[in-house]
Amino acid sequence: MIYIDANIFIYAYFKPKEGVVLSDKVKWCKKEAKKIVESINEEENKYCISLIQLSEVVNLLKTVMSWEDLQIFIMGLFSNSSMEIMEMAKMIYINAVNKMADYNLDSNDISALLLMKEKNIKKIYTFDRHFENVPDIICLPQIPNKLKK
């Protein structure tokens, strides 16, 4: 099972404002995110996301998608047999809030890590490099060194 961070869907679907020039790193992330989303749709692997991260995705994509497109996107995730939408126990989130200073991360990211630990998930698709500092977690995809900054 591979955990999908919210930013994968955000890079895949968020469209920049007209005239905005994207950096090479952002262009690369958008291209990789689209590949990951395609692999989810092709059922190459088993994936999961929590309702917390899905809520983050919806909150951002609602500004760039019509309600109909957003509804299709959300229902597509729920109906995709390759994607598991995981509920978050209240105590996991409370523990995440309590560990914010320890991890130097927000509670949503920590809750993802705690859920991954609980479910014995070792891999995460993310472009957030702070996950690389967490022992026993493999971050995918690997950002090329020339784009790391």
C-alpha atoms as a PDB file:
ATOM      1  CA  MET A   1       0.000   0.000   0.000  1.00  0.00           C
ATOM      2  CA  ILE A   2       1.253   3.486  -0.870  1.00  0.00           C
ATOM      3  CA  TYR A   3      -0.080   6.545   0.920  1.00  0.00           C
ATOM      4  CA  ILE A   4      -0.965   9.502  -1.320  1.00  0.00           C
ATOM      5  CA  ASP A   5      -0.279  12.955   0.112  1.00  0.00           C
ATOM      6  CA  ALA A   6      -2.681  15.739  -0.769  1.00  0.00           C
ATOM      7  CA  ASN A   7      -0.085  17.598  -2.816  1.00  0.00           C
ATOM      8  CA  ILE A   8      -0.027  14.856  -5.459  1.00  0.00           C
ATOM      9  CA  PHE A   9      -3.616  15.645  -6.462  1.00  0.00           C
ATOM     10  CA  ILE A  10      -3.046  19.367  -6.091  1.00  0.00           C
ATOM     11  CA  TYR A  11      -0.072  19.327  -8.477  1.00  0.00           C
ATOM     12  CA  ALA A  12      -1.973  17.088 -10.889  1.00  0.00           C
ATOM     13  CA  TYR A  13      -5.144  19.192 -11.071  1.00  0.00           C
ATOM     14  CA  PHE A  14      -4.350  22.741  -9.969  1.00  0.00           C
ATOM     15  CA  LYS A  15      -3.966  25.064 -12.930  1.00  0.00           C
ATOM     16  CA  PRO A  16      -1.833  28.187 -12.505  1.00  0.00           C
ATOM     17  CA  LYS A  17      -3.215  31.577 -13.381  1.00  0.00           C
ATOM     18  CA  GLU A  18      -2.714  32.635 -16.962  1.00  0.00           C
ATOM     19  CA  GLY A  19       0.680  34.207 -17.537  1.00  0.00           C
ATOM     20  CA  VAL A  20       2.302  32.620 -14.490  1.00  0.00           C
ATOM     21  CA  VAL A  21       5.648  31.047 -15.374  1.00  0.00           C
ATOM     22  CA  LEU A  22       6.255  27.809 -13.510  1.00  0.00           C
ATOM     23  CA  SER A  23       9.679  26.837 -12.226  1.00  0.00           C
ATOM     24  CA  ASP A  24      11.347  23.705 -13.588  1.00  0.00           C
ATOM     25  CA  LYS A  25      10.668  21.974 -10.263  1.00  0.00           C
ATOM     26  CA  VAL A  26       6.950  22.778 -10.332  1.00  0.00           C
ATOM     27  CA  LYS A  27       6.711  21.638 -13.968  1.00  0.00           C
ATOM     28  CA  TRP A  28       8.433  18.372 -13.027  1.00  0.00           C
ATOM     29  CA  CYS A  29       6.144  17.884  -9.997  1.00  0.00           C
ATOM     30  CA  LYS A  30       3.028  18.478 -12.110  1.00  0.00           C
ATOM     31  CA  LYS A  31       4.205  15.951 -14.715  1.00  0.00           C
ATOM     32  CA  GLU A  32       5.038  13.335 -12.064  1.00  0.00           C
ATOM     33  CA  ALA A  33       1.761  13.947 -10.229  1.00  0.00           C
ATOM     34  CA  LYS A  34      -0.194  13.299 -13.419  1.00  0.00           C
ATOM     35  CA  LYS A  35       1.699  10.009 -13.895  1.00  0.00           C
ATOM     36  CA  ILE A  36       0.867   8.982 -10.337  1.00  0.00           C
ATOM     37  CA  VAL A  37      -2.818   9.806 -10.806  1.00  0.00           C
ATOM     38  CA  GLU A  38      -2.821   7.777 -14.029  1.00  0.00           C
ATOM     39  CA  SER A  39      -1.294   4.805 -12.198  1.00  0.00           C
ATOM     40  CA  ILE A  40      -4.068   5.042  -9.614  1.00  0.00           C
ATOM     41  CA  ASN A  41      -6.647   5.000 -12.377  1.00  0.00           C
ATOM     42  CA  GLU A  42      -4.937   2.042 -14.052  1.00  0.00           C
ATOM     43  CA  GLU A  43      -4.924   0.093 -10.782  1.00  0.00           C
ATOM     44  CA  GLU A  44      -1.224  -0.696 -10.990  1.00  0.00           C
ATOM     45  CA  ASN A  45      -0.846  -0.642  -7.211  1.00  0.00           C
ATOM     46  CA  LYS A  46      -2.935  -0.212  -4.107  1.00  0.00           C
ATOM     47  CA  TYR A  47      -3.128   3.304  -2.748  1.00  0.00           C
ATOM     48  CA  CYS A  48      -4.709   5.112   0.171  1.00  0.00           C
ATOM     49  CA  ILE A  49      -5.409   8.599   1.441  1.00  0.00           C
ATOM     50  CA  SER A  50      -7.067   9.749   4.638  1.00  0.00           C
ATOM     51  CA  LEU A  51     -10.207  11.820   4.756  1.00  0.00           C
ATOM     52  CA  ILE A  52      -8.091  14.600   6.289  1.00  0.00           C
ATOM     53  CA  GLN A  53      -5.811  14.816   3.246  1.00  0.00           C
ATOM     54  CA  LEU A  54      -8.754  14.383   0.870  1.00  0.00           C
ATOM     55  CA  SER A  55     -10.393  17.338   2.583  1.00  0.00           C
ATOM     56  CA  GLU A  56      -7.232  19.404   1.949  1.00  0.00           C
ATOM     57  CA  VAL A  57      -7.385  18.473  -1.731  1.00  0.00           C
ATOM     58  CA  VAL A  58     -11.060  19.405  -2.029  1.00  0.00           C
ATOM     59  CA  ASN A  59     -10.506  22.687  -0.205  1.00  0.00           C
ATOM     60  CA  LEU A  60      -7.898  23.769  -2.758  1.00  0.00           C
ATOM     61  CA  LEU A  61      -9.386  22.272  -5.909  1.00  0.00           C
ATOM     62  CA  LYS A  62     -12.772  23.906  -5.293  1.00  0.00           C
ATOM     63  CA  THR A  63     -11.167  27.162  -6.396  1.00  0.00           C
ATOM     64  CA  VAL A  64     -10.159  25.804  -9.815  1.00  0.00           C
ATOM     65  CA  MET A  65     -12.818  23.189 -10.612  1.00  0.00           C
ATOM     66  CA  SER A  66     -16.509  23.440 -11.239  1.00  0.00           C
ATOM     67  CA  TRP A  67     -18.712  21.793  -8.609  1.00  0.00           C
ATOM     68  CA  GLU A  68     -19.596  19.105 -11.133  1.00  0.00           C
ATOM     69  CA  ASP A  69     -15.940  18.339 -11.945  1.00  0.00           C
ATOM     70  CA  LEU A  70     -15.039  18.332  -8.262  1.00  0.00           C
ATOM     71  CA  GLN A  71     -17.907  15.948  -7.515  1.00  0.00           C
ATOM     72  CA  ILE A  72     -16.757  13.629 -10.314  1.00  0.00           C
ATOM     73  CA  PHE A  73     -13.190  13.741  -8.983  1.00  0.00           C
ATOM     74  CA  ILE A  74     -14.232  12.923  -5.400  1.00  0.00           C
ATOM     75  CA  MET A  75     -16.665  10.167  -6.356  1.00  0.00           C
ATOM     76  CA  GLY A  76     -14.047   8.765  -8.725  1.00  0.00           C
ATOM     77  CA  LEU A  77     -11.646   8.347  -5.810  1.00  0.00           C
ATOM     78  CA  PHE A  78     -14.295   6.724  -3.623  1.00  0.00           C
ATOM     79  CA  SER A  79     -15.322   4.306  -6.370  1.00  0.00           C
ATOM     80  CA  ASN A  80     -11.782   3.419  -7.515  1.00  0.00           C
ATOM     81  CA  SER A  81     -11.012  -0.120  -6.355  1.00  0.00           C
ATOM     82  CA  SER A  82      -7.307   0.734  -6.241  1.00  0.00           C
ATOM     83  CA  MET A  83      -7.824   3.602  -3.760  1.00  0.00           C
ATOM     84  CA  GLU A  84      -8.732   3.202  -0.109  1.00  0.00           C
ATOM     85  CA  ILE A  85     -10.102   6.270   1.655  1.00  0.00           C
ATOM     86  CA  MET A  86      -9.124   5.870   5.315  1.00  0.00           C
ATOM     87  CA  GLU A  87     -10.974   7.360   8.222  1.00  0.00           C
ATOM     88  CA  MET A  88      -8.956   9.036  10.928  1.00  0.00           C
ATOM     89  CA  ALA A  89      -9.577   8.132  14.555  1.00  0.00           C
ATOM     90  CA  LYS A  90      -9.989  11.172  16.775  1.00  0.00           C
ATOM     91  CA  MET A  91      -7.125  10.038  19.034  1.00  0.00           C
ATOM     92  CA  ILE A  92      -4.711   9.839  16.095  1.00  0.00           C
ATOM     93  CA  TYR A  93      -5.468  13.441  15.265  1.00  0.00           C
ATOM     94  CA  ILE A  94      -5.197  14.537  18.896  1.00  0.00           C
ATOM     95  CA  ASN A  95      -1.797  12.787  19.086  1.00  0.00           C
ATOM     96  CA  ALA A  96      -0.789  14.576  15.885  1.00  0.00           C
ATOM     97  CA  VAL A  97      -1.697  17.944  17.389  1.00  0.00           C
ATOM     98  CA  ASN A  98       0.323  17.102  20.505  1.00  0.00           C
ATOM     99  CA  LYS A  99       3.397  16.234  18.394  1.00  0.00           C
ATOM    100  CA  MET A 100       3.475  19.323  16.170  1.00  0.00           C
ATOM    101  CA  ALA A 101       6.433  20.910  17.980  1.00  0.00           C
ATOM    102  CA  ASP A 102       8.304  17.577  18.150  1.00  0.00           C
ATOM    103  CA  TYR A 103       8.033  16.934  14.414  1.00  0.00           C
ATOM    104  CA  ASN A 104       8.001  20.581  13.296  1.00  0.00           C
ATOM    105  CA  LEU A 105       5.091  19.667  10.997  1.00  0.00           C
ATOM    106  CA  ASP A 106       1.429  20.554  10.878  1.00  0.00           C
ATOM    107  CA  SER A 107      -1.118  18.219  12.441  1.00  0.00           C
ATOM    108  CA  ASN A 108      -2.440  17.004   9.078  1.00  0.00           C
ATOM    109  CA  ASP A 109       0.990  15.771   7.980  1.00  0.00           C
ATOM    110  CA  ILE A 110       1.667  14.202  11.365  1.00  0.00           C
ATOM    111  CA  SER A 111      -1.727  12.492  11.326  1.00  0.00           C
ATOM    112  CA  ALA A 112      -0.795  10.978   7.948  1.00  0.00           C
ATOM    113  CA  LEU A 113       2.447   9.648   9.444  1.00  0.00           C
ATOM    114  CA  LEU A 114       0.658   8.239  12.496  1.00  0.00           C
ATOM    115  CA  LEU A 115      -1.954   6.584  10.308  1.00  0.00           C
ATOM    116  CA  MET A 116       0.773   5.142   8.099  1.00  0.00           C
ATOM    117  CA  LYS A 117       2.510   3.754  11.177  1.00  0.00           C
ATOM    118  CA  GLU A 118      -0.733   2.263  12.497  1.00  0.00           C
ATOM    119  CA  LYS A 119      -1.431   0.591   9.128  1.00  0.00           C
ATOM    120  CA  ASN A 120       2.239  -0.399   8.590  1.00  0.00           C
ATOM    121  CA  ILE A 121       2.498   1.667   5.403  1.00  0.00           C
ATOM    122  CA  LYS A 122       6.108   2.476   4.534  1.00  0.00           C
ATOM    123  CA  LYS A 123       5.773   4.396   1.249  1.00  0.00           C
ATOM    124  CA  ILE A 124       4.265   7.771   0.512  1.00  0.00           C
ATOM    125  CA  TYR A 125       3.834   9.659  -2.729  1.00  0.00           C
ATOM    126  CA  THR A 126       4.584  13.263  -1.814  1.00  0.00           C
ATOM    127  CA  PHE A 127       6.532  16.287  -2.922  1.00  0.00           C
ATOM    128  CA  ASP A 128       6.955  17.471   0.682  1.00  0.00           C
ATOM    129  CA  ARG A 129      10.593  16.864   1.498  1.00  0.00           C
ATOM    130  CA  HIS A 130      10.057  17.026   5.260  1.00  0.00           C
ATOM    131  CA  PHE A 131       8.752  13.455   5.087  1.00  0.00           C
ATOM    132  CA  GLU A 132      12.277  12.369   4.099  1.00  0.00           C
ATOM    133  CA  ASN A 133      13.409  13.089   7.662  1.00  0.00           C
ATOM    134  CA  VAL A 134      11.051  10.497   9.121  1.00  0.00           C
ATOM    135  CA  PRO A 135      12.693   7.116   9.777  1.00  0.00           C
ATOM    136  CA  ASP A 136      11.246   4.081   8.007  1.00  0.00           C
ATOM    137  CA  ILE A 137       9.346   6.158   5.431  1.00  0.00           C
ATOM    138  CA  ILE A 138      10.169   5.950   1.716  1.00  0.00           C
ATOM    139  CA  CYS A 139       9.242   9.097  -0.195  1.00  0.00           C
ATOM    140  CA  LEU A 140       8.280   8.727  -3.833  1.00  0.00           C
ATOM    141  CA  PRO A 141       8.930   9.978  -6.425  1.00  0.00           C
ATOM    142  CA  GLN A 142      12.572  10.913  -6.031  1.00  0.00           C
ATOM    143  CA  ILE A 143      13.037  14.549  -6.991  1.00  0.00           C
ATOM    144  CA  PRO A 144      16.142  14.925  -9.202  1.00  0.00           C
ATOM    145  CA  ASN A 145      19.032  16.617  -7.392  1.00  0.00           C
ATOM    146  CA  LYS A 146      19.140  19.435  -9.934  1.00  0.00           C
ATOM    147  CA  LEU A 147      15.582  20.402  -8.890  1.00  0.00           C
ATOM    148  CA  LYS A 148      16.044  20.163  -5.115  1.00  0.00           C
ATOM    149  CA  LYS A 149      16.198  23.626  -3.572  1.00  0.00           C
END
